[in-house]
C-alpha cells in the first residue's frame, strides 16, 4: 500500500511540475504575441 501511494505521489508531482513548466514556457510566448 505504501509503495502504491508513493507511486501516486510521484506521478502527481511529475504532472504538477510538467504543468508548471508548460505555463512558464507559454507565458513569454503569449506576452511576445500580444505585444
N, C-alpha and C. Protein backbone atom coordinates (compact mmCIF):
# COMPACT_ATOMS: atom_id res chain seq x y z
N UNK A 1 0.84 -1.21 0.00
CA UNK A 1 0.00 0.00 0.00
C UNK A 1 0.87 1.26 0.00
N UNK A 2 1.92 1.24 0.83
CA UNK A 2 2.78 2.43 0.88
C UNK A 2 3.49 2.66 -0.44
N UNK A 3 3.92 1.57 -1.08
CA UNK A 3 4.61 1.71 -2.37
C UNK A 3 3.66 2.30 -3.40
N UNK A 4 2.42 1.86 -3.41
CA UNK A 4 1.44 2.39 -4.38
C UNK A 4 1.20 3.88 -4.13
N UNK A 5 1.06 4.28 -2.88
CA UNK A 5 0.83 5.69 -2.58
C UNK A 5 2.05 6.52 -2.98
N UNK A 6 3.25 5.98 -2.78
CA UNK A 6 4.45 6.70 -3.20
C UNK A 6 4.45 6.90 -4.71
N UNK A 7 4.04 5.87 -5.45
CA UNK A 7 3.97 6.00 -6.91
C UNK A 7 2.96 7.07 -7.30
N UNK A 8 1.82 7.08 -6.62
CA UNK A 8 0.79 8.08 -6.94
C UNK A 8 1.30 9.48 -6.63
N UNK A 9 2.01 9.64 -5.51
CA UNK A 9 2.55 10.95 -5.15
C UNK A 9 3.58 11.40 -6.18
N UNK A 10 4.44 10.48 -6.62
CA UNK A 10 5.44 10.82 -7.63
C UNK A 10 4.78 11.23 -8.93
N UNK A 11 3.73 10.49 -9.34
CA UNK A 11 3.02 10.84 -10.57
C UNK A 11 2.37 12.21 -10.43
N UNK A 12 1.78 12.49 -9.28
CA UNK A 12 1.14 13.79 -9.07
C UNK A 12 2.18 14.91 -9.12
N UNK A 13 3.34 14.70 -8.50
CA UNK A 13 4.38 15.72 -8.51
C UNK A 13 4.91 15.94 -9.93
N UNK A 14 5.09 14.85 -10.68
CA UNK A 14 5.59 14.99 -12.05
C UNK A 14 4.59 15.73 -12.92
N UNK A 15 3.31 15.40 -12.77
CA UNK A 15 2.29 16.08 -13.58
C UNK A 15 2.22 17.56 -13.20
N UNK A 16 2.33 17.86 -11.91
CA UNK A 16 2.30 19.26 -11.47
C UNK A 16 3.52 20.01 -12.02
N UNK A 17 4.69 19.38 -11.97
CA UNK A 17 5.90 20.03 -12.48
C UNK A 17 5.81 20.27 -13.98
N UNK A 18 5.29 19.28 -14.71
CA UNK A 18 5.16 19.45 -16.16
C UNK A 18 4.17 20.56 -16.47
N UNK A 19 3.07 20.64 -15.69
CA UNK A 19 2.08 21.70 -15.90
C UNK A 19 2.70 23.07 -15.64
N UNK A 20 3.47 23.18 -14.56
CA UNK A 20 4.12 24.46 -14.24
C UNK A 20 5.12 24.83 -15.33
N UNK A 21 5.87 23.84 -15.83
CA UNK A 21 6.83 24.11 -16.90
C UNK A 21 6.11 24.62 -18.14
N UNK A 22 5.00 23.99 -18.50
CA UNK A 22 4.24 24.42 -19.69
C UNK A 22 3.74 25.84 -19.49
N UNK A 23 3.24 26.16 -18.30
CA UNK A 23 2.73 27.51 -18.03
C UNK A 23 3.87 28.53 -18.16
N UNK A 24 5.03 28.23 -17.55
CA UNK A 24 6.14 29.19 -17.59
C UNK A 24 6.70 29.33 -18.99
N UNK A 25 6.60 28.27 -19.81
CA UNK A 25 7.07 28.37 -21.19
C UNK A 25 6.07 29.16 -22.03
N UNK A 26 4.79 29.02 -21.73
CA UNK A 26 3.76 29.69 -22.54
C UNK A 26 3.65 31.18 -22.21
N UNK A 27 3.95 31.58 -20.98
CA UNK A 27 3.80 32.99 -20.59
C UNK A 27 4.63 33.92 -21.49
N UNK A 28 5.93 33.67 -21.71
CA UNK A 28 6.69 34.57 -22.60
C UNK A 28 6.17 34.54 -24.03
N UNK A 29 5.71 33.38 -24.50
CA UNK A 29 5.18 33.28 -25.87
C UNK A 29 3.93 34.14 -26.00
N UNK A 30 3.03 34.06 -25.02
CA UNK A 30 1.80 34.85 -25.06
C UNK A 30 2.14 36.34 -24.99
N UNK A 31 3.06 36.70 -24.11
CA UNK A 31 3.45 38.11 -23.99
C UNK A 31 4.08 38.60 -25.29
N UNK A 32 4.89 37.76 -25.92
CA UNK A 32 5.54 38.14 -27.18
C UNK A 32 4.51 38.30 -28.29
N UNK A 33 3.50 37.43 -28.31
CA UNK A 33 2.48 37.51 -29.37
C UNK A 33 1.56 38.71 -29.15
N UNK A 34 1.30 39.04 -27.88
CA UNK A 34 0.38 40.16 -27.61
C UNK A 34 1.04 41.50 -27.95
N UNK A 35 2.35 41.63 -27.66
CA UNK A 35 3.00 42.93 -27.87
C UNK A 35 3.97 42.89 -29.04
